[in-house]
PDB file of N, CA and C in Angstrom:
ATOM      1  N   MET A   1       2.356  25.219   9.938  1.00  0.00           N
ATOM      2  CA  MET A   1       1.069  24.684  10.335  1.00  0.00           C
ATOM      3  C   MET A   1       1.131  24.283  11.803  1.00  0.00           C
ATOM      4  N   GLU A   2       0.109  24.634  12.516  1.00  0.00           N
ATOM      5  CA  GLU A   2       0.028  24.295  13.934  1.00  0.00           C
ATOM      6  C   GLU A   2      -0.278  22.813  14.097  1.00  0.00           C
ATOM      7  N   ILE A   3       0.366  22.210  15.072  1.00  0.00           N
ATOM      8  CA  ILE A   3       0.070  20.804  15.337  1.00  0.00           C
ATOM      9  C   ILE A   3      -1.024  20.757  16.404  1.00  0.00           C
ATOM     10  N   ASN A   4      -2.189  20.271  16.009  1.00  0.00           N
ATOM     11  CA  ASN A   4      -3.308  20.161  16.927  1.00  0.00           C
ATOM     12  C   ASN A   4      -3.763  18.702  16.972  1.00  0.00           C
ATOM     13  N   LEU A   5      -4.811  18.448  17.729  1.00  0.00           N
ATOM     14  CA  LEU A   5      -5.281  17.079  17.893  1.00  0.00           C
ATOM     15  C   LEU A   5      -5.603  16.418  16.558  1.00  0.00           C
ATOM     16  N   TRP A   6      -6.221  17.155  15.622  1.00  0.00           N
ATOM     17  CA  TRP A   6      -6.599  16.578  14.328  1.00  0.00           C
ATOM     18  C   TRP A   6      -5.370  16.233  13.496  1.00  0.00           C
ATOM     19  N   VAL A   7      -4.350  17.052  13.571  1.00  0.00           N
ATOM     20  CA  VAL A   7      -3.101  16.763  12.857  1.00  0.00           C
ATOM     21  C   VAL A   7      -2.453  15.515  13.453  1.00  0.00           C
ATOM     22  N   VAL A   8      -2.421  15.452  14.771  1.00  0.00           N
ATOM     23  CA  VAL A   8      -1.846  14.281  15.443  1.00  0.00           C
ATOM     24  C   VAL A   8      -2.596  13.014  15.036  1.00  0.00           C
ATOM     25  N   LEU A   9      -3.920  13.059  15.080  1.00  0.00           N
ATOM     26  CA  LEU A   9      -4.716  11.893  14.700  1.00  0.00           C
ATOM     27  C   LEU A   9      -4.500  11.513  13.237  1.00  0.00           C
ATOM     28  N   ALA A  10      -4.428  12.504  12.361  1.00  0.00           N
ATOM     29  CA  ALA A  10      -4.198  12.223  10.939  1.00  0.00           C
ATOM     30  C   ALA A  10      -2.821  11.581  10.729  1.00  0.00           C
ATOM     31  N   LEU A  11      -1.807  12.092  11.403  1.00  0.00           N
ATOM     32  CA  LEU A  11      -0.463  11.528  11.255  1.00  0.00           C
ATOM     33  C   LEU A  11      -0.390  10.107  11.803  1.00  0.00           C
ATOM     34  N   LEU A  12      -1.037   9.858  12.924  1.00  0.00           N
ATOM     35  CA  LEU A  12      -1.023   8.507  13.494  1.00  0.00           C
ATOM     36  C   LEU A  12      -1.816   7.531  12.633  1.00  0.00           C
ATOM     37  N   ALA A  13      -2.935   7.986  12.069  1.00  0.00           N
ATOM     38  CA  ALA A  13      -3.703   7.133  11.150  1.00  0.00           C
ATOM     39  C   ALA A  13      -2.885   6.838   9.901  1.00  0.00           C
ATOM     40  N   LEU A  14      -2.206   7.857   9.383  1.00  0.00           N
ATOM     41  CA  LEU A  14      -1.346   7.661   8.216  1.00  0.00           C
ATOM     42  C   LEU A  14      -0.246   6.650   8.535  1.00  0.00           C
ATOM     43  N   HIS A  15       0.351   6.776   9.694  1.00  0.00           N
ATOM     44  CA  HIS A  15       1.394   5.826  10.102  1.00  0.00           C
ATOM     45  C   HIS A  15       0.825   4.406  10.154  1.00  0.00           C
ATOM     46  N   PHE A  16      -0.352   4.239  10.732  1.00  0.00           N
ATOM     47  CA  PHE A  16      -0.972   2.914  10.814  1.00  0.00           C
ATOM     48  C   PHE A  16      -1.189   2.319   9.421  1.00  0.00           C
ATOM     49  N   ILE A  17      -1.723   3.116   8.527  1.00  0.00           N
ATOM     50  CA  ILE A  17      -1.972   2.642   7.160  1.00  0.00           C
ATOM     51  C   ILE A  17      -0.665   2.266   6.471  1.00  0.00           C
ATOM     52  N   ALA A  18       0.321   3.158   6.557  1.00  0.00           N
ATOM     53  CA  ALA A  18       1.587   2.943   5.856  1.00  0.00           C
ATOM     54  C   ALA A  18       2.427   1.832   6.478  1.00  0.00           C
ATOM     55  N   ASP A  19       2.402   1.723   7.801  1.00  0.00           N
ATOM     56  CA  ASP A  19       3.282   0.772   8.473  1.00  0.00           C
ATOM     57  C   ASP A  19       2.671  -0.610   8.621  1.00  0.00           C
ATOM     58  N   PHE A  20       1.345  -0.716   8.629  1.00  0.00           N
ATOM     59  CA  PHE A  20       0.707  -2.014   8.837  1.00  0.00           C
ATOM     60  C   PHE A  20      -0.104  -2.471   7.632  1.00  0.00           C
ATOM     61  N   ILE A  21      -1.049  -1.663   7.191  1.00  0.00           N
ATOM     62  CA  ILE A  21      -1.945  -2.100   6.121  1.00  0.00           C
ATOM     63  C   ILE A  21      -1.201  -2.274   4.800  1.00  0.00           C
ATOM     64  N   LEU A  22      -0.319  -1.340   4.469  1.00  0.00           N
ATOM     65  CA  LEU A  22       0.376  -1.396   3.176  1.00  0.00           C
ATOM     66  C   LEU A  22       1.671  -2.201   3.212  1.00  0.00           C
ATOM     67  N   GLN A  23       2.045  -2.685   4.375  1.00  0.00           N
ATOM     68  CA  GLN A  23       3.227  -3.546   4.463  1.00  0.00           C
ATOM     69  C   GLN A  23       2.801  -4.975   4.142  1.00  0.00           C
ATOM     70  N   THR A  24       3.395  -5.552   3.135  1.00  0.00           N
ATOM     71  CA  THR A  24       3.018  -6.910   2.743  1.00  0.00           C
ATOM     72  C   THR A  24       3.590  -7.923   3.730  1.00  0.00           C
ATOM     73  N   ASN A  25       3.058  -9.124   3.666  1.00  0.00           N
ATOM     74  CA  ASN A  25       3.569 -10.207   4.499  1.00  0.00           C
ATOM     75  C   ASN A  25       5.053 -10.453   4.205  1.00  0.00           C
ATOM     76  N   TRP A  26       5.432 -10.406   2.929  1.00  0.00           N
ATOM     77  CA  TRP A  26       6.828 -10.603   2.547  1.00  0.00           C
ATOM     78  C   TRP A  26       7.730  -9.537   3.175  1.00  0.00           C
ATOM     79  N   MET A  27       7.300  -8.290   3.126  1.00  0.00           N
ATOM     80  CA  MET A  27       8.086  -7.213   3.745  1.00  0.00           C
ATOM     81  C   MET A  27       8.222  -7.456   5.249  1.00  0.00           C
ATOM     82  N   ALA A  28       7.103  -7.748   5.897  1.00  0.00           N
ATOM     83  CA  ALA A  28       7.088  -7.895   7.354  1.00  0.00           C
ATOM     84  C   ALA A  28       7.952  -9.056   7.832  1.00  0.00           C
ATOM     85  N   THR A  29       7.942 -10.149   7.091  1.00  0.00           N
ATOM     86  CA  THR A  29       8.678 -11.330   7.546  1.00  0.00           C
ATOM     87  C   THR A  29      10.129 -11.364   7.079  1.00  0.00           C
ATOM     88  N   ASN A  30      10.486 -10.505   6.136  1.00  0.00           N
ATOM     89  CA  ASN A  30      11.848 -10.546   5.609  1.00  0.00           C
ATOM     90  C   ASN A  30      12.682  -9.297   5.839  1.00  0.00           C
ATOM     91  N   LYS A  31      12.084  -8.225   6.313  1.00  0.00           N
ATOM     92  CA  LYS A  31      12.836  -6.966   6.413  1.00  0.00           C
ATOM     93  C   LYS A  31      13.992  -7.045   7.399  1.00  0.00           C
ATOM     94  N   TRP A  32      13.965  -7.995   8.302  1.00  0.00           N
ATOM     95  CA  TRP A  32      15.051  -8.139   9.272  1.00  0.00           C
ATOM     96  C   TRP A  32      16.327  -8.672   8.619  1.00  0.00           C
ATOM     97  N   LYS A  33      16.175  -9.383   7.475  1.00  0.00           N
ATOM     98  CA  LYS A  33      17.335 -10.023   6.854  1.00  0.00           C
ATOM     99  C   LYS A  33      17.550  -9.629   5.397  1.00  0.00           C
ATOM    100  N   ASP A  34      16.545  -9.065   4.758  1.00  0.00           N
ATOM    101  CA  ASP A  34      16.597  -8.777   3.320  1.00  0.00           C
ATOM    102  C   ASP A  34      16.438  -7.276   3.103  1.00  0.00           C
ATOM    103  N   SER A  35      17.503  -6.648   2.624  1.00  0.00           N
ATOM    104  CA  SER A  35      17.441  -5.188   2.444  1.00  0.00           C
ATOM    105  C   SER A  35      16.394  -4.787   1.403  1.00  0.00           C
ATOM    106  N   ASP A  36      16.113  -5.647   0.435  1.00  0.00           N
ATOM    107  CA  ASP A  36      15.063  -5.336  -0.541  1.00  0.00           C
ATOM    108  C   ASP A  36      13.691  -5.226   0.132  1.00  0.00           C
ATOM    109  N   ALA A  37      13.422  -6.117   1.070  1.00  0.00           N
ATOM    110  CA  ALA A  37      12.143  -6.081   1.788  1.00  0.00           C
ATOM    111  C   ALA A  37      12.054  -4.815   2.636  1.00  0.00           C
ATOM    112  N   LEU A  38      13.142  -4.476   3.319  1.00  0.00           N
ATOM    113  CA  LEU A  38      13.149  -3.284   4.166  1.00  0.00           C
ATOM    114  C   LEU A  38      13.030  -2.021   3.320  1.00  0.00           C
ATOM    115  N   VAL A  39      13.803  -1.930   2.256  1.00  0.00           N
ATOM    116  CA  VAL A  39      13.758  -0.740   1.393  1.00  0.00           C
ATOM    117  C   VAL A  39      12.384  -0.626   0.728  1.00  0.00           C
ATOM    118  N   GLY A  40      11.805  -1.735   0.303  1.00  0.00           N
ATOM    119  CA  GLY A  40      10.466  -1.699  -0.291  1.00  0.00           C
ATOM    120  C   GLY A  40       9.432  -1.175   0.688  1.00  0.00           C
ATOM    121  N   HIS A  41       9.500  -1.658   1.916  1.00  0.00           N
ATOM    122  CA  HIS A  41       8.572  -1.186   2.956  1.00  0.00           C
ATOM    123  C   HIS A  41       8.756   0.308   3.205  1.00  0.00           C
ATOM    124  N   VAL A  42       9.995   0.729   3.346  1.00  0.00           N
ATOM    125  CA  VAL A  42      10.266   2.142   3.637  1.00  0.00           C
ATOM    126  C   VAL A  42       9.882   3.025   2.452  1.00  0.00           C
ATOM    127  N   PHE A  43      10.050   2.536   1.237  1.00  0.00           N
ATOM    128  CA  PHE A  43       9.645   3.303   0.053  1.00  0.00           C
ATOM    129  C   PHE A  43       8.135   3.563   0.071  1.00  0.00           C
ATOM    130  N   VAL A  44       7.349   2.512   0.294  1.00  0.00           N
ATOM    131  CA  VAL A  44       5.888   2.657   0.335  1.00  0.00           C
ATOM    132  C   VAL A  44       5.497   3.580   1.488  1.00  0.00           C
ATOM    133  N   TYR A  45       6.126   3.385   2.631  1.00  0.00           N
ATOM    134  CA  TYR A  45       5.849   4.197   3.817  1.00  0.00           C
ATOM    135  C   TYR A  45       6.132   5.673   3.534  1.00  0.00           C
ATOM    136  N   THR A  46       7.295   5.943   2.974  1.00  0.00           N
ATOM    137  CA  THR A  46       7.703   7.325   2.686  1.00  0.00           C
ATOM    138  C   THR A  46       6.810   7.944   1.622  1.00  0.00           C
ATOM    139  N   LEU A  47       6.442   7.182   0.615  1.00  0.00           N
ATOM    140  CA  LEU A  47       5.544   7.669  -0.427  1.00  0.00           C
ATOM    141  C   LEU A  47       4.215   8.134   0.184  1.00  0.00           C
ATOM    142  N   CYS A  48       3.711   7.407   1.151  1.00  0.00           N
ATOM    143  CA  CYS A  48       2.473   7.815   1.833  1.00  0.00           C
ATOM    144  C   CYS A  48       2.641   9.173   2.498  1.00  0.00           C
ATOM    145  N   PHE A  49       3.786   9.407   3.107  1.00  0.00           N
ATOM    146  CA  PHE A  49       4.017  10.689   3.769  1.00  0.00           C
ATOM    147  C   PHE A  49       4.215  11.816   2.750  1.00  0.00           C
ATOM    148  N   PHE A  50       4.798  11.504   1.590  1.00  0.00           N
ATOM    149  CA  PHE A  50       4.889  12.516   0.528  1.00  0.00           C
ATOM    150  C   PHE A  50       3.491  12.881   0.026  1.00  0.00           C
ATOM    151  N   LEU A  51       2.649  11.885  -0.178  1.00  0.00           N
ATOM    152  CA  LEU A  51       1.276  12.151  -0.627  1.00  0.00           C
ATOM    153  C   LEU A  51       0.514  12.970   0.411  1.00  0.00           C
ATOM    154  N   PHE A  52       0.649  12.612   1.666  1.00  0.00           N
ATOM    155  CA  PHE A  52       0.003  13.347   2.747  1.00  0.00           C
ATOM    156  C   PHE A  52       0.461  14.803   2.752  1.00  0.00           C
ATOM    157  N   THR A  53       1.756  15.020   2.642  1.00  0.00           N
ATOM    158  CA  THR A  53       2.300  16.380   2.641  1.00  0.00           C
ATOM    159  C   THR A  53       1.733  17.185   1.477  1.00  0.00           C
ATOM    160  N   GLY A  54       1.650  16.562   0.307  1.00  0.00           N
ATOM    161  CA  GLY A  54       1.085  17.254  -0.852  1.00  0.00           C
ATOM    162  C   GLY A  54      -0.373  17.588  -0.677  1.00  0.00           C
ATOM    163  N   ILE A  55      -1.145  16.649  -0.176  1.00  0.00           N
ATOM    164  CA  ILE A  55      -2.579  16.873   0.010  1.00  0.00           C
ATOM    165  C   ILE A  55      -2.820  17.970   1.044  1.00  0.00           C
ATOM    166  N   VAL A  56      -2.091  17.916   2.149  1.00  0.00           N
ATOM    167  CA  VAL A  56      -2.257  18.937   3.194  1.00  0.00           C
ATOM    168  C   VAL A  56      -1.853  20.307   2.665  1.00  0.00           C
ATOM    169  N   SER A  57      -0.809  20.349   1.863  1.00  0.00           N
ATOM    170  CA  SER A  57      -0.379  21.623   1.274  1.00  0.00           C
ATOM    171  C   SER A  57      -1.450  22.211   0.376  1.00  0.00           C
ATOM    172  N   ILE A  58      -2.102  21.368  -0.407  1.00  0.00           N
ATOM    173  CA  ILE A  58      -3.158  21.830  -1.310  1.00  0.00           C
ATOM    174  C   ILE A  58      -4.382  22.288  -0.519  1.00  0.00           C
ATOM    175  N   ILE A  59      -4.808  21.492   0.447  1.00  0.00           N
ATOM    176  CA  ILE A  59      -6.016  21.800   1.210  1.00  0.00           C
ATOM    177  C   ILE A  59      -5.858  23.066   2.053  1.00  0.00           C
ATOM    178  N   THR A  60      -4.734  23.184   2.723  1.00  0.00           N
ATOM    179  CA  THR A  60      -4.549  24.292   3.666  1.00  0.00           C
ATOM    180  C   THR A  60      -3.906  25.517   3.033  1.00  0.00           C
ATOM    181  N   GLY A  61      -3.271  25.336   1.891  1.00  0.00           N
ATOM    182  CA  GLY A  61      -2.537  26.433   1.285  1.00  0.00           C
ATOM    183  C   GLY A  61      -1.213  26.693   1.982  1.00  0.00           C
ATOM    184  N   ALA A  62      -0.925  25.878   3.001  1.00  0.00           N
ATOM    185  CA  ALA A  62       0.337  26.022   3.733  1.00  0.00           C
ATOM    186  C   ALA A  62       1.462  25.376   2.938  1.00  0.00           C
ATOM    187  N   ALA A  63       2.564  26.049   2.904  1.00  0.00           N
ATOM    188  CA  ALA A  63       3.734  25.502   2.206  1.00  0.00           C
ATOM    189  C   ALA A  63       4.493  24.613   3.185  1.00  0.00           C
ATOM    190  N   LEU A  64       4.094  23.349   3.241  1.00  0.00           N
ATOM    191  CA  LEU A  64       4.777  22.424   4.141  1.00  0.00           C
ATOM    192  C   LEU A  64       6.157  22.078   3.587  1.00  0.00           C
ATOM    193  N   ILE A  65       7.050  21.803   4.470  1.00  0.00           N
ATOM    194  CA  ILE A  65       8.419  21.480   4.076  1.00  0.00           C
ATOM    195  C   ILE A  65       8.470  20.065   3.517  1.00  0.00           C
ATOM    196  N   TRP A  66       8.963  19.922   2.312  1.00  0.00           N
ATOM    197  CA  TRP A  66       9.048  18.616   1.659  1.00  0.00           C
ATOM    198  C   TRP A  66      10.162  17.752   2.234  1.00  0.00           C
ATOM    199  N   LEU A  67      10.959  18.352   3.100  1.00  0.00           N
ATOM    200  CA  LEU A  67      11.989  17.592   3.794  1.00  0.00           C
ATOM    201  C   LEU A  67      11.359  16.630   4.801  1.00  0.00           C
ATOM    202  N   TYR A  68      10.170  16.969   5.293  1.00  0.00           N
ATOM    203  CA  TYR A  68       9.499  16.166   6.314  1.00  0.00           C
ATOM    204  C   TYR A  68       9.335  14.698   5.916  1.00  0.00           C
ATOM    205  N   PRO A  69       8.684  14.371   4.806  1.00  0.00           N
ATOM    206  CA  PRO A  69       8.501  12.947   4.487  1.00  0.00           C
ATOM    207  C   PRO A  69       9.821  12.229   4.231  1.00  0.00           C
ATOM    208  N   PHE A  70      10.788  12.940   3.680  1.00  0.00           N
ATOM    209  CA  PHE A  70      12.095  12.346   3.429  1.00  0.00           C
ATOM    210  C   PHE A  70      12.761  11.944   4.750  1.00  0.00           C
ATOM    211  N   LEU A  71      12.741  12.845   5.726  1.00  0.00           N
ATOM    212  CA  LEU A  71      13.341  12.557   7.030  1.00  0.00           C
ATOM    213  C   LEU A  71      12.570  11.470   7.786  1.00  0.00           C
ATOM    214  N   VAL A  72      11.252  11.501   7.679  1.00  0.00           N
ATOM    215  CA  VAL A  72      10.438  10.447   8.299  1.00  0.00           C
ATOM    216  C   VAL A  72      10.834   9.088   7.715  1.00  0.00           C
ATOM    217  N   GLY A  73      11.031   9.034   6.415  1.00  0.00           N
ATOM    218  CA  GLY A  73      11.424   7.783   5.759  1.00  0.00           C
ATOM    219  C   GLY A  73      12.792   7.293   6.206  1.00  0.00           C
ATOM    220  N   ILE A  74      13.741   8.196   6.305  1.00  0.00           N
ATOM    221  CA  ILE A  74      15.097   7.811   6.746  1.00  0.00           C
ATOM    222  C   ILE A  74      15.057   7.275   8.178  1.00  0.00           C
ATOM    223  N   LEU A  75      14.361   7.984   9.048  1.00  0.00           N
ATOM    224  CA  LEU A  75      14.266   7.520  10.431  1.00  0.00           C
ATOM    225  C   LEU A  75      13.513   6.190  10.529  1.00  0.00           C
ATOM    226  N   HIS A  76      12.499   6.027   9.695  1.00  0.00           N
ATOM    227  CA  HIS A  76      11.754   4.773   9.689  1.00  0.00           C
ATOM    228  C   HIS A  76      12.664   3.617   9.269  1.00  0.00           C
ATOM    229  N   TYR A  77      13.502   3.855   8.276  1.00  0.00           N
ATOM    230  CA  TYR A  77      14.437   2.826   7.808  1.00  0.00           C
ATOM    231  C   TYR A  77      15.326   2.343   8.951  1.00  0.00           C
ATOM    232  N   PHE A  78      15.971   3.274   9.632  1.00  0.00           N
ATOM    233  CA  PHE A  78      16.905   2.883  10.684  1.00  0.00           C
ATOM    234  C   PHE A  78      16.199   2.275  11.895  1.00  0.00           C
ATOM    235  N   THR A  79      15.034   2.785  12.224  1.00  0.00           N
ATOM    236  CA  THR A  79      14.282   2.199  13.335  1.00  0.00           C
ATOM    237  C   THR A  79      13.909   0.759  13.014  1.00  0.00           C
ATOM    238  N   ASP A  80      13.325   0.534  11.830  1.00  0.00           N
ATOM    239  CA  ASP A  80      12.911  -0.818  11.455  1.00  0.00           C
ATOM    240  C   ASP A  80      14.094  -1.749  11.226  1.00  0.00           C
ATOM    241  N   LYS A  81      15.184  -1.218  10.743  1.00  0.00           N
ATOM    242  CA  LYS A  81      16.371  -2.057  10.516  1.00  0.00           C
ATOM    243  C   LYS A  81      16.786  -2.758  11.806  1.00  0.00           C
ATOM    244  N   TYR A  82      16.774  -2.012  12.895  1.00  0.00           N
ATOM    245  CA  TYR A  82      17.233  -2.581  14.164  1.00  0.00           C
ATOM    246  C   TYR A  82      16.121  -3.261  14.954  1.00  0.00           C
ATOM    247  N   THR A  83      14.929  -2.685  14.981  1.00  0.00           N
ATOM    248  CA  THR A  83      13.865  -3.312  15.767  1.00  0.00           C
ATOM    249  C   THR A  83      13.371  -4.602  15.115  1.00  0.00           C
ATOM    250  N   SER A  84      13.426  -4.704  13.785  1.00  0.00           N
ATOM    251  CA  SER A  84      12.976  -5.943  13.141  1.00  0.00           C
ATOM    252  C   SER A  84      13.941  -7.092  13.435  1.00  0.00           C
ATOM    253  N   ARG A  85      15.219  -6.796  13.524  1.00  0.00           N
ATOM    254  CA  ARG A  85      16.186  -7.840  13.901  1.00  0.00           C
ATOM    255  C   ARG A  85      15.974  -8.269  15.344  1.00  0.00           C
ATOM    256  N   TRP A  86      15.715  -7.288  16.191  1.00  0.00           N
ATOM    257  CA  TRP A  86      15.487  -7.550  17.605  1.00  0.00           C
ATOM    258  C   TRP A  86      14.238  -8.395  17.801  1.00  0.00           C
ATOM    259  N   THR A  87      13.128  -8.004  17.153  1.00  0.00           N
ATOM    260  CA  THR A  87      11.886  -8.755  17.309  1.00  0.00           C
ATOM    261  C   THR A  87      11.993 -10.145  16.695  1.00  0.00           C
ATOM    262  N   HIS A  88      12.721 -10.273  15.601  1.00  0.00           N
ATOM    263  CA  HIS A  88      12.890 -11.598  14.986  1.00  0.00           C
ATOM    264  C   HIS A  88      13.575 -12.547  15.969  1.00  0.00           C
ATOM    265  N   ARG A  89      14.636 -12.065  16.588  1.00  0.00           N
ATOM    266  CA  ARG A  89      15.372 -12.896  17.555  1.00  0.00           C
ATOM    267  C   ARG A  89      14.458 -13.291  18.715  1.00  0.00           C
ATOM    268  N   LEU A  90      13.701 -12.351  19.239  1.00  0.00           N
ATOM    269  CA  LEU A  90      12.802 -12.646  20.356  1.00  0.00           C
ATOM    270  C   LEU A  90      11.717 -13.641  19.957  1.00  0.00           C
ATOM    271  N   TRP A  91      11.193 -13.503  18.736  1.00  0.00           N
ATOM    272  CA  TRP A  91      10.158 -14.419  18.255  1.00  0.00           C
ATOM    273  C   TRP A  91      10.717 -15.834  18.131  1.00  0.00           C
ATOM    274  N   GLU A  92      11.917 -15.942  17.579  1.00  0.00           N
ATOM    275  CA  GLU A  92      12.562 -17.256  17.431  1.00  0.00           C
ATOM    276  C   GLU A  92      12.831 -17.895  18.791  1.00  0.00           C
ATOM    277  N   GLU A  93      13.135 -17.081  19.789  1.00  0.00           N
ATOM    278  CA  GLU A  93      13.404 -17.581  21.143  1.00  0.00           C
ATOM    279  C   GLU A  93      12.117 -17.783  21.935  1.00  0.00           C
ATOM    280  N   LYS A  94      10.974 -17.545  21.286  1.00  0.00           N
ATOM    281  CA  LYS A  94       9.646 -17.698  21.902  1.00  0.00           C
ATOM    282  C   LYS A  94       9.485 -16.823  23.148  1.00  0.00           C
ATOM    283  N   LYS A  95      10.077 -15.647  23.108  1.00  0.00           N
ATOM    284  CA  LYS A  95       9.933 -14.669  24.183  1.00  0.00           C
ATOM    285  C   LYS A  95       8.816 -13.706  23.781  1.00  0.00           C
ATOM    286  N   THR A  96       7.585 -14.194  23.898  1.00  0.00           N
ATOM    287  CA  THR A  96       6.423 -13.484  23.380  1.00  0.00           C
ATOM    288  C   THR A  96       6.227 -12.119  24.040  1.00  0.00           C
ATOM    289  N   HIS A  97       6.306 -12.075  25.353  1.00  0.00           N
ATOM    290  CA  HIS A  97       6.110 -10.794  26.031  1.00  0.00           C
ATOM    291  C   HIS A  97       7.152  -9.770  25.586  1.00  0.00           C
ATOM    292  N   GLU A  98       8.410 -10.171  25.587  1.00  0.00           N
ATOM    293  CA  GLU A  98       9.484  -9.260  25.176  1.00  0.00           C
ATOM    294  C   GLU A  98       9.317  -8.829  23.728  1.00  0.00           C
ATOM    295  N   PHE A  99       8.869  -9.758  22.876  1.00  0.00           N
ATOM    296  CA  PHE A  99       8.599  -9.451  21.473  1.00  0.00           C
ATOM    297  C   PHE A  99       7.608  -8.288  21.368  1.00  0.00           C
ATOM    298  N   PHE A 100       6.486  -8.371  22.100  1.00  0.00           N
ATOM    299  CA  PHE A 100       5.467  -7.323  22.023  1.00  0.00           C
ATOM    300  C   PHE A 100       5.919  -6.027  22.690  1.00  0.00           C
ATOM    301  N   VAL A 101       6.761  -6.131  23.696  1.00  0.00           N
ATOM    302  CA  VAL A 101       7.323  -4.920  24.299  1.00  0.00           C
ATOM    303  C   VAL A 101       8.163  -4.179  23.259  1.00  0.00           C
ATOM    304  N   VAL A 102       8.958  -4.901  22.498  1.00  0.00           N
ATOM    305  CA  VAL A 102       9.792  -4.258  21.471  1.00  0.00           C
ATOM    306  C   VAL A 102       8.923  -3.715  20.337  1.00  0.00           C
ATOM    307  N   ILE A 103       7.855  -4.412  19.963  1.00  0.00           N
ATOM    308  CA  ILE A 103       6.917  -3.876  18.965  1.00  0.00           C
ATOM    309  C   ILE A 103       6.349  -2.544  19.461  1.00  0.00           C
ATOM    310  N   GLY A 104       5.950  -2.508  20.721  1.00  0.00           N
ATOM    311  CA  GLY A 104       5.437  -1.260  21.296  1.00  0.00           C
ATOM    312  C   GLY A 104       6.492  -0.172  21.321  1.00  0.00           C
ATOM    313  N   PHE A 105       7.734  -0.526  21.654  1.00  0.00           N
ATOM    314  CA  PHE A 105       8.834   0.436  21.655  1.00  0.00           C
ATOM    315  C   PHE A 105       9.082   0.971  20.245  1.00  0.00           C
ATOM    316  N   ASP A 106       9.035   0.086  19.260  1.00  0.00           N
ATOM    317  CA  ASP A 106       9.184   0.470  17.853  1.00  0.00           C
ATOM    318  C   ASP A 106       8.122   1.508  17.477  1.00  0.00           C
ATOM    319  N   GLN A 107       6.875   1.260  17.874  1.00  0.00           N
ATOM    320  CA  GLN A 107       5.795   2.193  17.558  1.00  0.00           C
ATOM    321  C   GLN A 107       5.974   3.519  18.285  1.00  0.00           C
ATOM    322  N   LEU A 108       6.401   3.468  19.535  1.00  0.00           N
ATOM    323  CA  LEU A 108       6.667   4.692  20.279  1.00  0.00           C
ATOM    324  C   LEU A 108       7.737   5.531  19.583  1.00  0.00           C
ATOM    325  N   LEU A 109       8.814   4.886  19.132  1.00  0.00           N
ATOM    326  CA  LEU A 109       9.858   5.612  18.401  1.00  0.00           C
ATOM    327  C   LEU A 109       9.297   6.259  17.142  1.00  0.00           C
ATOM    328  N   HIS A 110       8.491   5.510  16.396  1.00  0.00           N
ATOM    329  CA  HIS A 110       7.901   6.067  15.172  1.00  0.00           C
ATOM    330  C   HIS A 110       7.003   7.266  15.493  1.00  0.00           C
ATOM    331  N   PHE A 111       6.171   7.155  16.520  1.00  0.00           N
ATOM    332  CA  PHE A 111       5.279   8.260  16.890  1.00  0.00           C
ATOM    333  C   PHE A 111       6.079   9.506  17.262  1.00  0.00           C
ATOM    334  N   ILE A 112       7.110   9.313  18.074  1.00  0.00           N
ATOM    335  CA  ILE A 112       7.952  10.451  18.478  1.00  0.00           C
ATOM    336  C   ILE A 112       8.589  11.091  17.256  1.00  0.00           C
ATOM    337  N   GLN A 113       9.134  10.288  16.360  1.00  0.00           N
ATOM    338  CA  GLN A 113       9.789  10.815  15.156  1.00  0.00           C
ATOM    339  C   GLN A 113       8.806  11.592  14.291  1.00  0.00           C
ATOM    340  N   ILE A 114       7.648  11.007  14.038  1.00  0.00           N
ATOM    341  CA  ILE A 114       6.643  11.626  13.170  1.00  0.00           C
ATOM    342  C   ILE A 114       6.175  12.968  13.739  1.00  0.00           C
ATOM    343  N   LEU A 115       5.821  12.964  15.009  1.00  0.00           N
ATOM    344  CA  LEU A 115       5.258  14.180  15.621  1.00  0.00           C
ATOM    345  C   LEU A 115       6.310  15.229  15.884  1.00  0.00           C
ATOM    346  N   LEU A 116       7.471  14.846  16.354  1.00  0.00           N
ATOM    347  CA  LEU A 116       8.520  15.818  16.629  1.00  0.00           C
ATOM    348  C   LEU A 116       9.023  16.474  15.349  1.00  0.00           C
ATOM    349  N   LEU A 117       9.232  15.671  14.308  1.00  0.00           N
ATOM    350  CA  LEU A 117       9.664  16.250  13.033  1.00  0.00           C
ATOM    351  C   LEU A 117       8.609  17.191  12.467  1.00  0.00           C
ATOM    352  N   PHE A 118       7.336  16.803  12.564  1.00  0.00           N
ATOM    353  CA  PHE A 118       6.273  17.674  12.060  1.00  0.00           C
ATOM    354  C   PHE A 118       6.304  19.006  12.793  1.00  0.00           C
ATOM    355  N   LYS A 119       6.423  18.943  14.107  1.00  0.00           N
ATOM    356  CA  LYS A 119       6.445  20.165  14.921  1.00  0.00           C
ATOM    357  C   LYS A 119       7.660  21.019  14.567  1.00  0.00           C
ATOM    358  N   LEU A 120       8.823  20.404  14.422  1.00  0.00           N
ATOM    359  CA  LEU A 120      10.053  21.148  14.140  1.00  0.00           C
ATOM    360  C   LEU A 120      10.085  21.758  12.739  1.00  0.00           C
ATOM    361  N   LEU A 121       9.463  21.069  11.773  1.00  0.00           N
ATOM    362  CA  LEU A 121       9.577  21.516  10.376  1.00  0.00           C
ATOM    363  C   LEU A 121       8.376  22.305   9.867  1.00  0.00           C
ATOM    364  N   SER A 122       7.293  22.336  10.622  1.00  0.00           N
ATOM    365  CA  SER A 122       6.120  23.061  10.103  1.00  0.00           C
ATOM    366  C   SER A 122       6.017  24.446  10.698  1.00  0.00           C
TER     367      SER A 122
END
């Protein structure tokens, strides 16, 4: 499948829903220290990408690679594992600007992973 503006927008919207809307307060505040919170968040996140892959496959008739959501989930786990610890430390130190810079960096990493993997595997 060709990656075009609509695919990019759909993937970024999916990321927003999976990473922010469906992440509970407990997941968000504990994933830096509690592997259950992190794994729960990544499970829900990855499930969203599996559903997206299935829906796109049905709609387009394209045989998308099912490895895509799995790899997105693994990369999301490792990105959040480290950035959540980093942001927690910055928040505790009341380094607000640095905290938001790392949040932005975290999102940039996720966007690169999502789009690059889609391009490489589709």
